[in-house]
Amino acid sequence: MGGGMMGQRDLRAEVEGRLAYVKTALGITDNEAAAWKAYEDAARANVQSMQSAREAMVAAIQSGTGVERLQKRIALMQTRLDALKALQPATEALYKALTPEQQKKADTLLASMGRGVM
């Protein structure tokens, strides 16, 4: 990956692709659209916070002291935890809107969404 903006665009494209895939695979209906939109919004918000934290960590790794690198790694881990916590209510609401069959699919599909940035 190149500079920050290129990496950011790539990350957003990856997330958008995964969201589109999961939406199609789950067969989101009109009745489930509001819960899905809330989930998508939460996932997209996580992209920006994770990207910023990663860029700060990369900068510290390139020029920071050992202590600064450790601090940035801790900050990245905290950002990741915060991102998962922010995604939890939207994920729970989405699950409640899904049929039992969709929930079974979501058990696999949404687990993969929680890795990485989301």
PDB file of N, CA and C in Angstrom:
ATOM      1  N   MET A   1       0.831  -1.182   0.000  1.00  0.00           N
ATOM      2  CA  MET A   1       0.000   0.000   0.000  1.00  0.00           C
ATOM      3  C   MET A   1       0.867   1.234   0.000  1.00  0.00           C
ATOM      4  N   GLY A   2       0.350   2.275  -0.583  1.00  0.00           N
ATOM      5  CA  GLY A   2       1.099   3.517  -0.655  1.00  0.00           C
ATOM      6  C   GLY A   2       0.896   4.332   0.593  1.00  0.00           C
ATOM      7  N   GLY A   3       0.686   5.643   0.426  1.00  0.00           N
ATOM      8  CA  GLY A   3       0.502   6.554   1.544  1.00  0.00           C
ATOM      9  C   GLY A   3      -0.827   6.354   2.216  1.00  0.00           C
ATOM     10  N   GLY A   4      -1.121   7.210   3.182  1.00  0.00           N
ATOM     11  CA  GLY A   4      -2.321   7.095   3.984  1.00  0.00           C
ATOM     12  C   GLY A   4      -3.604   7.103   3.178  1.00  0.00           C
ATOM     13  N   MET A   5      -3.724   7.995   2.211  1.00  0.00           N
ATOM     14  CA  MET A   5      -4.965   8.078   1.462  1.00  0.00           C
ATOM     15  C   MET A   5      -5.200   6.830   0.632  1.00  0.00           C
ATOM     16  N   MET A   6      -4.166   6.302   0.015  1.00  0.00           N
ATOM     17  CA  MET A   6      -4.340   5.094  -0.782  1.00  0.00           C
ATOM     18  C   MET A   6      -4.792   3.945   0.103  1.00  0.00           C
ATOM     19  N   GLY A   7      -4.147   3.775   1.249  1.00  0.00           N
ATOM     20  CA  GLY A   7      -4.535   2.728   2.175  1.00  0.00           C
ATOM     21  C   GLY A   7      -5.958   2.917   2.665  1.00  0.00           C
ATOM     22  N   GLN A   8      -6.338   4.151   2.897  1.00  0.00           N
ATOM     23  CA  GLN A   8      -7.678   4.446   3.373  1.00  0.00           C
ATOM     24  C   GLN A   8      -8.714   4.065   2.317  1.00  0.00           C
ATOM     25  N   ARG A   9      -8.467   4.412   1.070  1.00  0.00           N
ATOM     26  CA  ARG A   9      -9.395   4.048  -0.001  1.00  0.00           C
ATOM     27  C   ARG A   9      -9.485   2.536  -0.130  1.00  0.00           C
ATOM     28  N   ASP A  10      -8.371   1.842  -0.061  1.00  0.00           N
ATOM     29  CA  ASP A  10      -8.382   0.393  -0.162  1.00  0.00           C
ATOM     30  C   ASP A  10      -9.194  -0.227   0.973  1.00  0.00           C
ATOM     31  N   LEU A  11      -9.002   0.267   2.185  1.00  0.00           N
ATOM     32  CA  LEU A  11      -9.715  -0.250   3.337  1.00  0.00           C
ATOM     33  C   LEU A  11     -11.214  -0.012   3.194  1.00  0.00           C
ATOM     34  N   ARG A  12     -11.576   1.176   2.775  1.00  0.00           N
ATOM     35  CA  ARG A  12     -13.002   1.469   2.584  1.00  0.00           C
ATOM     36  C   ARG A  12     -13.604   0.581   1.509  1.00  0.00           C
ATOM     37  N   ALA A  13     -12.883   0.383   0.415  1.00  0.00           N
ATOM     38  CA  ALA A  13     -13.384  -0.475  -0.665  1.00  0.00           C
ATOM     39  C   ALA A  13     -13.561  -1.908  -0.176  1.00  0.00           C
ATOM     40  N   GLU A  14     -12.622  -2.374   0.631  1.00  0.00           N
ATOM     41  CA  GLU A  14     -12.724  -3.731   1.182  1.00  0.00           C
ATOM     42  C   GLU A  14     -13.960  -3.865   2.065  1.00  0.00           C
ATOM     43  N   VAL A  15     -14.172  -2.889   2.927  1.00  0.00           N
ATOM     44  CA  VAL A  15     -15.332  -2.919   3.827  1.00  0.00           C
ATOM     45  C   VAL A  15     -16.632  -2.842   3.024  1.00  0.00           C
ATOM     46  N   GLU A  16     -16.678  -1.953   2.034  1.00  0.00           N
ATOM     47  CA  GLU A  16     -17.881  -1.832   1.208  1.00  0.00           C
ATOM     48  C   GLU A  16     -18.169  -3.139   0.485  1.00  0.00           C
ATOM     49  N   GLY A  17     -17.130  -3.781  -0.016  1.00  0.00           N
ATOM     50  CA  GLY A  17     -17.305  -5.067  -0.685  1.00  0.00           C
ATOM     51  C   GLY A  17     -17.839  -6.137   0.253  1.00  0.00           C
ATOM     52  N   ARG A  18     -17.287  -6.177   1.466  1.00  0.00           N
ATOM     53  CA  ARG A  18     -17.763  -7.170   2.442  1.00  0.00           C
ATOM     54  C   ARG A  18     -19.201  -6.895   2.853  1.00  0.00           C
ATOM     55  N   LEU A  19     -19.537  -5.614   3.061  1.00  0.00           N
ATOM     56  CA  LEU A  19     -20.912  -5.270   3.424  1.00  0.00           C
ATOM     57  C   LEU A  19     -21.888  -5.683   2.329  1.00  0.00           C
ATOM     58  N   ALA A  20     -21.551  -5.395   1.086  1.00  0.00           N
ATOM     59  CA  ALA A  20     -22.425  -5.766  -0.028  1.00  0.00           C
ATOM     60  C   ALA A  20     -22.596  -7.281  -0.114  1.00  0.00           C
ATOM     61  N   TYR A  21     -21.503  -8.002   0.076  1.00  0.00           N
ATOM     62  CA  TYR A  21     -21.562  -9.465   0.030  1.00  0.00           C
ATOM     63  C   TYR A  21     -22.468 -10.009   1.144  1.00  0.00           C
ATOM     64  N   VAL A  22     -22.258  -9.530   2.365  1.00  0.00           N
ATOM     65  CA  VAL A  22     -23.038 -10.033   3.499  1.00  0.00           C
ATOM     66  C   VAL A  22     -24.516  -9.692   3.326  1.00  0.00           C
ATOM     67  N   LYS A  23     -24.810  -8.485   2.872  1.00  0.00           N
ATOM     68  CA  LYS A  23     -26.206  -8.081   2.660  1.00  0.00           C
ATOM     69  C   LYS A  23     -26.887  -9.018   1.666  1.00  0.00           C
ATOM     70  N   THR A  24     -26.201  -9.321   0.582  1.00  0.00           N
ATOM     71  CA  THR A  24     -26.758 -10.215  -0.428  1.00  0.00           C
ATOM     72  C   THR A  24     -26.879 -11.640   0.102  1.00  0.00           C
ATOM     73  N   ALA A  25     -25.846 -12.105   0.774  1.00  0.00           N
ATOM     74  CA  ALA A  25     -25.845 -13.479   1.291  1.00  0.00           C
ATOM     75  C   ALA A  25     -26.939 -13.684   2.337  1.00  0.00           C
ATOM     76  N   LEU A  26     -27.203 -12.652   3.134  1.00  0.00           N
ATOM     77  CA  LEU A  26     -28.262 -12.763   4.138  1.00  0.00           C
ATOM     78  C   LEU A  26     -29.649 -12.592   3.522  1.00  0.00           C
ATOM     79  N   GLY A  27     -29.726 -11.985   2.348  1.00  0.00           N
ATOM     80  CA  GLY A  27     -31.020 -11.741   1.718  1.00  0.00           C
ATOM     81  C   GLY A  27     -31.832 -10.717   2.501  1.00  0.00           C
ATOM     82  N   ILE A  28     -31.216  -9.593   2.828  1.00  0.00           N
ATOM     83  CA  ILE A  28     -31.878  -8.552   3.620  1.00  0.00           C
ATOM     84  C   ILE A  28     -33.144  -8.079   2.898  1.00  0.00           C
ATOM     85  N   THR A  29     -34.253  -8.091   3.609  1.00  0.00           N
ATOM     86  CA  THR A  29     -35.545  -7.685   3.053  1.00  0.00           C
ATOM     87  C   THR A  29     -35.844  -6.236   3.400  1.00  0.00           C
ATOM     88  N   ASP A  30     -36.904  -5.707   2.835  1.00  0.00           N
ATOM     89  CA  ASP A  30     -37.322  -4.336   3.145  1.00  0.00           C
ATOM     90  C   ASP A  30     -37.611  -4.174   4.638  1.00  0.00           C
ATOM     91  N   ASN A  31     -38.178  -5.191   5.259  1.00  0.00           N
ATOM     92  CA  ASN A  31     -38.483  -5.137   6.698  1.00  0.00           C
ATOM     93  C   ASN A  31     -37.223  -5.094   7.551  1.00  0.00           C
ATOM     94  N   GLU A  32     -36.131  -5.599   7.015  1.00  0.00           N
ATOM     95  CA  GLU A  32     -34.870  -5.651   7.752  1.00  0.00           C
ATOM     96  C   GLU A  32     -33.924  -4.509   7.379  1.00  0.00           C
ATOM     97  N   ALA A  33     -34.346  -3.682   6.426  1.00  0.00           N
ATOM     98  CA  ALA A  33     -33.468  -2.648   5.862  1.00  0.00           C
ATOM     99  C   ALA A  33     -32.989  -1.637   6.906  1.00  0.00           C
ATOM    100  N   ALA A  34     -33.838  -1.220   7.813  1.00  0.00           N
ATOM    101  CA  ALA A  34     -33.435  -0.224   8.811  1.00  0.00           C
ATOM    102  C   ALA A  34     -32.361  -0.787   9.739  1.00  0.00           C
ATOM    103  N   ALA A  35     -32.536  -2.020  10.182  1.00  0.00           N
ATOM    104  CA  ALA A  35     -31.539  -2.653  11.055  1.00  0.00           C
ATOM    105  C   ALA A  35     -30.238  -2.852  10.291  1.00  0.00           C
ATOM    106  N   TRP A  36     -30.341  -3.229   9.021  1.00  0.00           N
ATOM    107  CA  TRP A  36     -29.131  -3.406   8.215  1.00  0.00           C
ATOM    108  C   TRP A  36     -28.414  -2.081   8.036  1.00  0.00           C
ATOM    109  N   LYS A  37     -29.151  -1.000   7.754  1.00  0.00           N
ATOM    110  CA  LYS A  37     -28.540   0.320   7.557  1.00  0.00           C
ATOM    111  C   LYS A  37     -27.791   0.749   8.815  1.00  0.00           C
ATOM    112  N   ALA A  38     -28.367   0.523   9.979  1.00  0.00           N
ATOM    113  CA  ALA A  38     -27.697   0.875  11.239  1.00  0.00           C
ATOM    114  C   ALA A  38     -26.402   0.073  11.395  1.00  0.00           C
ATOM    115  N   TYR A  39     -26.439  -1.198  11.005  1.00  0.00           N
ATOM    116  CA  TYR A  39     -25.235  -2.034  11.070  1.00  0.00           C
ATOM    117  C   TYR A  39     -24.173  -1.501  10.109  1.00  0.00           C
ATOM    118  N   GLU A  40     -24.585  -1.197   8.876  1.00  0.00           N
ATOM    119  CA  GLU A  40     -23.647  -0.646   7.884  1.00  0.00           C
ATOM    120  C   GLU A  40     -23.028   0.662   8.380  1.00  0.00           C
ATOM    121  N   ASP A  41     -23.853   1.530   8.933  1.00  0.00           N
ATOM    122  CA  ASP A  41     -23.354   2.824   9.421  1.00  0.00           C
ATOM    123  C   ASP A  41     -22.309   2.633  10.514  1.00  0.00           C
ATOM    124  N   ALA A  42     -22.573   1.708  11.429  1.00  0.00           N
ATOM    125  CA  ALA A  42     -21.618   1.440  12.508  1.00  0.00           C
ATOM    126  C   ALA A  42     -20.321   0.857  11.949  1.00  0.00           C
ATOM    127  N   ALA A  43     -20.437  -0.031  10.984  1.00  0.00           N
ATOM    128  CA  ALA A  43     -19.249  -0.635  10.369  1.00  0.00           C
ATOM    129  C   ALA A  43     -18.427   0.419   9.635  1.00  0.00           C
ATOM    130  N   ARG A  44     -19.093   1.293   8.921  1.00  0.00           N
ATOM    131  CA  ARG A  44     -18.383   2.349   8.181  1.00  0.00           C
ATOM    132  C   ARG A  44     -17.698   3.326   9.132  1.00  0.00           C
ATOM    133  N   ALA A  45     -18.337   3.655  10.240  1.00  0.00           N
ATOM    134  CA  ALA A  45     -17.734   4.566  11.210  1.00  0.00           C
ATOM    135  C   ALA A  45     -16.454   3.971  11.778  1.00  0.00           C
ATOM    136  N   ASN A  46     -16.432   2.668  11.933  1.00  0.00           N
ATOM    137  CA  ASN A  46     -15.243   1.995  12.448  1.00  0.00           C
ATOM    138  C   ASN A  46     -14.061   2.103  11.505  1.00  0.00           C
ATOM    139  N   VAL A  47     -14.322   2.169  10.218  1.00  0.00           N
ATOM    140  CA  VAL A  47     -13.244   2.233   9.235  1.00  0.00           C
ATOM    141  C   VAL A  47     -12.369   3.456   9.489  1.00  0.00           C
ATOM    142  N   GLN A  48     -12.999   4.609   9.672  1.00  0.00           N
ATOM    143  CA  GLN A  48     -12.237   5.840   9.849  1.00  0.00           C
ATOM    144  C   GLN A  48     -11.419   5.808  11.140  1.00  0.00           C
ATOM    145  N   SER A  49     -12.013   5.365  12.229  1.00  0.00           N
ATOM    146  CA  SER A  49     -11.269   5.351  13.494  1.00  0.00           C
ATOM    147  C   SER A  49     -10.108   4.367  13.441  1.00  0.00           C
ATOM    148  N   MET A  50     -10.311   3.213  12.837  1.00  0.00           N
ATOM    149  CA  MET A  50      -9.237   2.232  12.735  1.00  0.00           C
ATOM    150  C   MET A  50      -8.134   2.715  11.792  1.00  0.00           C
ATOM    151  N   GLN A  51      -8.516   3.354  10.707  1.00  0.00           N
ATOM    152  CA  GLN A  51      -7.512   3.852   9.758  1.00  0.00           C
ATOM    153  C   GLN A  51      -6.622   4.896  10.432  1.00  0.00           C
ATOM    154  N   SER A  52      -7.221   5.814  11.165  1.00  0.00           N
ATOM    155  CA  SER A  52      -6.449   6.857  11.845  1.00  0.00           C
ATOM    156  C   SER A  52      -5.489   6.254  12.867  1.00  0.00           C
ATOM    157  N   ALA A  53      -5.971   5.288  13.623  1.00  0.00           N
ATOM    158  CA  ALA A  53      -5.121   4.651  14.637  1.00  0.00           C
ATOM    159  C   ALA A  53      -3.971   3.885  13.980  1.00  0.00           C
ATOM    160  N   ARG A  54      -4.247   3.221  12.872  1.00  0.00           N
ATOM    161  CA  ARG A  54      -3.183   2.486  12.175  1.00  0.00           C
ATOM    162  C   ARG A  54      -2.131   3.437  11.620  1.00  0.00           C
ATOM    163  N   GLU A  55      -2.574   4.551  11.060  1.00  0.00           N
ATOM    164  CA  GLU A  55      -1.624   5.521  10.516  1.00  0.00           C
ATOM    165  C   GLU A  55      -0.726   6.084  11.618  1.00  0.00           C
ATOM    166  N   ALA A  56      -1.290   6.354  12.789  1.00  0.00           N
ATOM    167  CA  ALA A  56      -0.494   6.852  13.913  1.00  0.00           C
ATOM    168  C   ALA A  56       0.518   5.797  14.353  1.00  0.00           C
ATOM    169  N   MET A  57       0.121   4.533  14.367  1.00  0.00           N
ATOM    170  CA  MET A  57       1.031   3.477  14.772  1.00  0.00           C
ATOM    171  C   MET A  57       2.164   3.318  13.760  1.00  0.00           C
ATOM    172  N   VAL A  58       1.831   3.366  12.477  1.00  0.00           N
ATOM    173  CA  VAL A  58       2.859   3.247  11.443  1.00  0.00           C
ATOM    174  C   VAL A  58       3.871   4.384  11.576  1.00  0.00           C
ATOM    175  N   ALA A  59       3.389   5.593  11.809  1.00  0.00           N
ATOM    176  CA  ALA A  59       4.292   6.740  11.971  1.00  0.00           C
ATOM    177  C   ALA A  59       5.214   6.524  13.171  1.00  0.00           C
ATOM    178  N   ALA A  60       4.678   6.006  14.260  1.00  0.00           N
ATOM    179  CA  ALA A  60       5.496   5.767  15.451  1.00  0.00           C
ATOM    180  C   ALA A  60       6.523   4.670  15.201  1.00  0.00           C
ATOM    181  N   ILE A  61       6.137   3.654  14.454  1.00  0.00           N
ATOM    182  CA  ILE A  61       7.067   2.559  14.150  1.00  0.00           C
ATOM    183  C   ILE A  61       8.216   3.073  13.291  1.00  0.00           C
ATOM    184  N   GLN A  62       7.909   3.969  12.368  1.00  0.00           N
ATOM    185  CA  GLN A  62       8.930   4.469  11.456  1.00  0.00           C
ATOM    186  C   GLN A  62       9.912   5.416  12.130  1.00  0.00           C
ATOM    187  N   SER A  63       9.445   6.195  13.107  1.00  0.00           N
ATOM    188  CA  SER A  63      10.349   7.195  13.673  1.00  0.00           C
ATOM    189  C   SER A  63      10.292   7.301  15.192  1.00  0.00           C
ATOM    190  N   GLY A  64       9.463   6.547  15.844  1.00  0.00           N
ATOM    191  CA  GLY A  64       9.300   6.681  17.283  1.00  0.00           C
ATOM    192  C   GLY A  64      10.263   5.836  18.084  1.00  0.00           C
ATOM    193  N   THR A  65      10.318   6.134  19.358  1.00  0.00           N
ATOM    194  CA  THR A  65      11.127   5.341  20.279  1.00  0.00           C
ATOM    195  C   THR A  65      10.371   4.050  20.593  1.00  0.00           C
ATOM    196  N   GLY A  66      11.028   3.156  21.279  1.00  0.00           N
ATOM    197  CA  GLY A  66      10.380   1.918  21.692  1.00  0.00           C
ATOM    198  C   GLY A  66       9.153   2.180  22.545  1.00  0.00           C
ATOM    199  N   VAL A  67       9.251   3.152  23.430  1.00  0.00           N
ATOM    200  CA  VAL A  67       8.115   3.504  24.289  1.00  0.00           C
ATOM    201  C   VAL A  67       6.972   4.078  23.449  1.00  0.00           C
ATOM    202  N   GLU A  68       7.301   4.942  22.486  1.00  0.00           N
ATOM    203  CA  GLU A  68       6.264   5.528  21.627  1.00  0.00           C
ATOM    204  C   GLU A  68       5.571   4.461  20.780  1.00  0.00           C
ATOM    205  N   ARG A  69       6.349   3.507  20.287  1.00  0.00           N
ATOM    206  CA  ARG A  69       5.759   2.421  19.499  1.00  0.00           C
ATOM    207  C   ARG A  69       4.809   1.600  20.349  1.00  0.00           C
ATOM    208  N   LEU A  70       5.214   1.308  21.579  1.00  0.00           N
ATOM    209  CA  LEU A  70       4.353   0.550  22.479  1.00  0.00           C
ATOM    210  C   LEU A  70       3.072   1.318  22.771  1.00  0.00           C
ATOM    211  N   GLN A  71       3.180   2.612  23.019  1.00  0.00           N
ATOM    212  CA  GLN A  71       2.003   3.435  23.279  1.00  0.00           C
ATOM    213  C   GLN A  71       1.036   3.419  22.096  1.00  0.00           C
ATOM    214  N   LYS A  72       1.558   3.508  20.890  1.00  0.00           N
ATOM    215  CA  LYS A  72       0.700   3.508  19.701  1.00  0.00           C
ATOM    216  C   LYS A  72       0.052   2.147  19.489  1.00  0.00           C
ATOM    217  N   ARG A  73       0.776   1.078  19.799  1.00  0.00           N
ATOM    218  CA  ARG A  73       0.172  -0.256  19.685  1.00  0.00           C
ATOM    219  C   ARG A  73      -0.971  -0.414  20.691  1.00  0.00           C
ATOM    220  N   ILE A  74      -0.763   0.082  21.886  1.00  0.00           N
ATOM    221  CA  ILE A  74      -1.819   0.033  22.902  1.00  0.00           C
ATOM    222  C   ILE A  74      -3.017   0.862  22.446  1.00  0.00           C
ATOM    223  N   ALA A  75      -2.743   2.046  21.893  1.00  0.00           N
ATOM    224  CA  ALA A  75      -3.826   2.906  21.399  1.00  0.00           C
ATOM    225  C   ALA A  75      -4.596   2.209  20.275  1.00  0.00           C
ATOM    226  N   LEU A  76      -3.885   1.503  19.397  1.00  0.00           N
ATOM    227  CA  LEU A  76      -4.556   0.787  18.315  1.00  0.00           C
ATOM    228  C   LEU A  76      -5.437  -0.324  18.875  1.00  0.00           C
ATOM    229  N   MET A  77      -4.940  -1.047  19.855  1.00  0.00           N
ATOM    230  CA  MET A  77      -5.740  -2.101  20.481  1.00  0.00           C
ATOM    231  C   MET A  77      -6.988  -1.516  21.146  1.00  0.00           C
ATOM    232  N   GLN A  78      -6.849  -0.359  21.801  1.00  0.00           N
ATOM    233  CA  GLN A  78      -7.995   0.283  22.433  1.00  0.00           C
ATOM    234  C   GLN A  78      -9.008   0.731  21.384  1.00  0.00           C
ATOM    235  N   THR A  79      -8.515   1.267  20.278  1.00  0.00           N
ATOM    236  CA  THR A  79      -9.401   1.682  19.193  1.00  0.00           C
ATOM    237  C   THR A  79     -10.156   0.482  18.641  1.00  0.00           C
ATOM    238  N   ARG A  80      -9.466  -0.632  18.494  1.00  0.00           N
ATOM    239  CA  ARG A  80     -10.102  -1.869  18.006  1.00  0.00           C
ATOM    240  C   ARG A  80     -11.191  -2.319  18.969  1.00  0.00           C
ATOM    241  N   LEU A  81     -10.899  -2.281  20.273  1.00  0.00           N
ATOM    242  CA  LEU A  81     -11.897  -2.659  21.275  1.00  0.00           C
ATOM    243  C   LEU A  81     -13.096  -1.718  21.215  1.00  0.00           C
ATOM    244  N   ASP A  82     -12.836  -0.424  21.140  1.00  0.00           N
ATOM    245  CA  ASP A  82     -13.921   0.556  21.058  1.00  0.00           C
ATOM    246  C   ASP A  82     -14.770   0.333  19.812  1.00  0.00           C
ATOM    247  N   ALA A  83     -14.117  -0.009  18.699  1.00  0.00           N
ATOM    248  CA  ALA A  83     -14.836  -0.251  17.444  1.00  0.00           C
ATOM    249  C   ALA A  83     -15.758  -1.456  17.572  1.00  0.00           C
ATOM    250  N   LEU A  84     -15.270  -2.517  18.188  1.00  0.00           N
ATOM    251  CA  LEU A  84     -16.112  -3.699  18.388  1.00  0.00           C
ATOM    252  C   LEU A  84     -17.276  -3.397  19.319  1.00  0.00           C
ATOM    253  N   LYS A  85     -17.022  -2.644  20.368  1.00  0.00           N
ATOM    254  CA  LYS A  85     -18.101  -2.266  21.288  1.00  0.00           C
ATOM    255  C   LYS A  85     -19.149  -1.405  20.587  1.00  0.00           C
ATOM    256  N   ALA A  86     -18.705  -0.519  19.697  1.00  0.00           N
ATOM    257  CA  ALA A  86     -19.636   0.337  18.961  1.00  0.00           C
ATOM    258  C   ALA A  86     -20.473  -0.472  17.975  1.00  0.00           C
ATOM    259  N   LEU A  87     -19.920  -1.537  17.451  1.00  0.00           N
ATOM    260  CA  LEU A  87     -20.635  -2.382  16.496  1.00  0.00           C
ATOM    261  C   LEU A  87     -21.633  -3.315  17.174  1.00  0.00           C
ATOM    262  N   GLN A  88     -21.431  -3.601  18.446  1.00  0.00           N
ATOM    263  CA  GLN A  88     -22.261  -4.580  19.148  1.00  0.00           C
ATOM    264  C   GLN A  88     -23.753  -4.249  19.156  1.00  0.00           C
ATOM    265  N   PRO A  89     -24.185  -3.032  19.534  1.00  0.00           N
ATOM    266  CA  PRO A  89     -25.636  -2.771  19.554  1.00  0.00           C
ATOM    267  C   PRO A  89     -26.288  -2.914  18.182  1.00  0.00           C
ATOM    268  N   ALA A  90     -25.603  -2.462  17.134  1.00  0.00           N
ATOM    269  CA  ALA A  90     -26.155  -2.575  15.786  1.00  0.00           C
ATOM    270  C   ALA A  90     -26.230  -4.042  15.348  1.00  0.00           C
ATOM    271  N   THR A  91     -25.246  -4.824  15.759  1.00  0.00           N
ATOM    272  CA  THR A  91     -25.252  -6.245  15.425  1.00  0.00           C
ATOM    273  C   THR A  91     -26.385  -6.958  16.150  1.00  0.00           C
ATOM    274  N   GLU A  92     -26.582  -6.637  17.417  1.00  0.00           N
ATOM    275  CA  GLU A  92     -27.674  -7.244  18.188  1.00  0.00           C
ATOM    276  C   GLU A  92     -29.031  -6.874  17.603  1.00  0.00           C
ATOM    277  N   ALA A  93     -29.209  -5.614  17.224  1.00  0.00           N
ATOM    278  CA  ALA A  93     -30.479  -5.175  16.633  1.00  0.00           C
ATOM    279  C   ALA A  93     -30.713  -5.864  15.289  1.00  0.00           C
ATOM    280  N   LEU A  94     -29.648  -6.014  14.502  1.00  0.00           N
ATOM    281  CA  LEU A  94     -29.783  -6.702  13.227  1.00  0.00           C
ATOM    282  C   LEU A  94     -30.207  -8.146  13.451  1.00  0.00           C
ATOM    283  N   TYR A  95     -29.568  -8.823  14.382  1.00  0.00           N
ATOM    284  CA  TYR A  95     -29.920 -10.213  14.680  1.00  0.00           C
ATOM    285  C   TYR A  95     -31.405 -10.345  15.024  1.00  0.00           C
ATOM    286  N   LYS A  96     -31.909  -9.427  15.820  1.00  0.00           N
ATOM    287  CA  LYS A  96     -33.321  -9.485  16.219  1.00  0.00           C
ATOM    288  C   LYS A  96     -34.252  -9.322  15.025  1.00  0.00           C
ATOM    289  N   ALA A  97     -33.809  -8.594  14.004  1.00  0.00           N
ATOM    290  CA  ALA A  97     -34.635  -8.361  12.821  1.00  0.00           C
ATOM    291  C   ALA A  97     -34.598  -9.538  11.841  1.00  0.00           C
ATOM    292  N   LEU A  98     -33.601 -10.400  11.955  1.00  0.00           N
ATOM    293  CA  LEU A  98     -33.424 -11.503  11.023  1.00  0.00           C
ATOM    294  C   LEU A  98     -34.299 -12.704  11.364  1.00  0.00           C
ATOM    295  N   THR A  99     -34.582 -13.509  10.351  1.00  0.00           N
ATOM    296  CA  THR A  99     -35.276 -14.780  10.570  1.00  0.00           C
ATOM    297  C   THR A  99     -34.279 -15.778  11.171  1.00  0.00           C
ATOM    298  N   PRO A 100     -34.770 -16.868  11.758  1.00  0.00           N
ATOM    299  CA  PRO A 100     -33.846 -17.882  12.288  1.00  0.00           C
ATOM    300  C   PRO A 100     -32.867 -18.408  11.227  1.00  0.00           C
ATOM    301  N   GLU A 101     -33.338 -18.577   9.995  1.00  0.00           N
ATOM    302  CA  GLU A 101     -32.456 -19.056   8.923  1.00  0.00           C
ATOM    303  C   GLU A 101     -31.364 -18.027   8.632  1.00  0.00           C
ATOM    304  N   GLN A 102     -31.733 -16.759   8.582  1.00  0.00           N
ATOM    305  CA  GLN A 102     -30.748 -15.703   8.352  1.00  0.00           C
ATOM    306  C   GLN A 102     -29.766 -15.608   9.514  1.00  0.00           C
ATOM    307  N   GLN A 103     -30.255 -15.815  10.729  1.00  0.00           N
ATOM    308  CA  GLN A 103     -29.372 -15.764  11.898  1.00  0.00           C
ATOM    309  C   GLN A 103     -28.291 -16.821  11.806  1.00  0.00           C
ATOM    310  N   LYS A 104     -28.644 -18.016  11.319  1.00  0.00           N
ATOM    311  CA  LYS A 104     -27.646 -19.078  11.152  1.00  0.00           C
ATOM    312  C   LYS A 104     -26.567 -18.644  10.165  1.00  0.00           C
ATOM    313  N   LYS A 105     -26.978 -18.034   9.056  1.00  0.00           N
ATOM    314  CA  LYS A 105     -26.009 -17.532   8.080  1.00  0.00           C
ATOM    315  C   LYS A 105     -25.174 -16.418   8.702  1.00  0.00           C
ATOM    316  N   ALA A 106     -25.834 -15.554   9.471  1.00  0.00           N
ATOM    317  CA  ALA A 106     -25.144 -14.421  10.093  1.00  0.00           C
ATOM    318  C   ALA A 106     -24.081 -14.888  11.081  1.00  0.00           C
ATOM    319  N   ASP A 107     -24.296 -16.034  11.707  1.00  0.00           N
ATOM    320  CA  ASP A 107     -23.303 -16.548  12.656  1.00  0.00           C
ATOM    321  C   ASP A 107     -21.934 -16.667  12.001  1.00  0.00           C
ATOM    322  N   THR A 108     -21.904 -17.065  10.749  1.00  0.00           N
ATOM    323  CA  THR A 108     -20.647 -17.183  10.012  1.00  0.00           C
ATOM    324  C   THR A 108     -20.251 -15.859   9.380  1.00  0.00           C
ATOM    325  N   LEU A 109     -21.180 -15.233   8.691  1.00  0.00           N
ATOM    326  CA  LEU A 109     -20.873 -14.030   7.917  1.00  0.00           C
ATOM    327  C   LEU A 109     -20.478 -12.841   8.782  1.00  0.00           C
ATOM    328  N   LEU A 110     -21.183 -12.613   9.879  1.00  0.00           N
ATOM    329  CA  LEU A 110     -20.879 -11.453  10.718  1.00  0.00           C
ATOM    330  C   LEU A 110     -19.623 -11.666  11.543  1.00  0.00           C
ATOM    331  N   ALA A 111     -19.270 -12.915  11.805  1.00  0.00           N
ATOM    332  CA  ALA A 111     -18.029 -13.187  12.518  1.00  0.00           C
ATOM    333  C   ALA A 111     -16.845 -12.678  11.701  1.00  0.00           C
ATOM    334  N   SER A 112     -16.907 -12.854  10.388  1.00  0.00           N
ATOM    335  CA  SER A 112     -15.809 -12.386   9.536  1.00  0.00           C
ATOM    336  C   SER A 112     -15.796 -10.870   9.459  1.00  0.00           C
ATOM    337  N   MET A 113     -16.944 -10.225   9.640  1.00  0.00           N
ATOM    338  CA  MET A 113     -16.998  -8.760   9.624  1.00  0.00           C
ATOM    339  C   MET A 113     -16.351  -8.173  10.869  1.00  0.00           C
ATOM    340  N   GLY A 114     -16.325  -8.909  11.953  1.00  0.00           N
ATOM    341  CA  GLY A 114     -15.752  -8.401  13.195  1.00  0.00           C
ATOM    342  C   GLY A 114     -14.248  -8.397  13.224  1.00  0.00           C
ATOM    343  N   ARG A 115     -13.634  -9.122  12.295  1.00  0.00           N
ATOM    344  CA  ARG A 115     -12.168  -9.138  12.240  1.00  0.00           C
ATOM    345  C   ARG A 115     -11.666  -7.914  11.482  1.00  0.00           C
ATOM    346  N   GLY A 116     -10.433  -7.620  11.663  1.00  0.00           N
ATOM    347  CA  GLY A 116      -9.840  -6.499  10.934  1.00  0.00           C
ATOM    348  C   GLY A 116     -10.353  -5.172  11.438  1.00  0.00           C
ATOM    349  N   VAL A 117     -11.051  -4.438  10.613  1.00  0.00           N
ATOM    350  CA  VAL A 117     -11.471  -3.093  10.985  1.00  0.00           C
ATOM    351  C   VAL A 117     -12.810  -3.084  11.661  1.00  0.00           C
ATOM    352  N   MET A 118     -13.570  -4.170  11.517  1.00  0.00           N
ATOM    353  CA  MET A 118     -14.915  -4.073  12.027  1.00  0.00           C
ATOM    354  C   MET A 118     -15.138  -5.034  13.158  1.00  0.00           C
TER     355      MET A 118
END
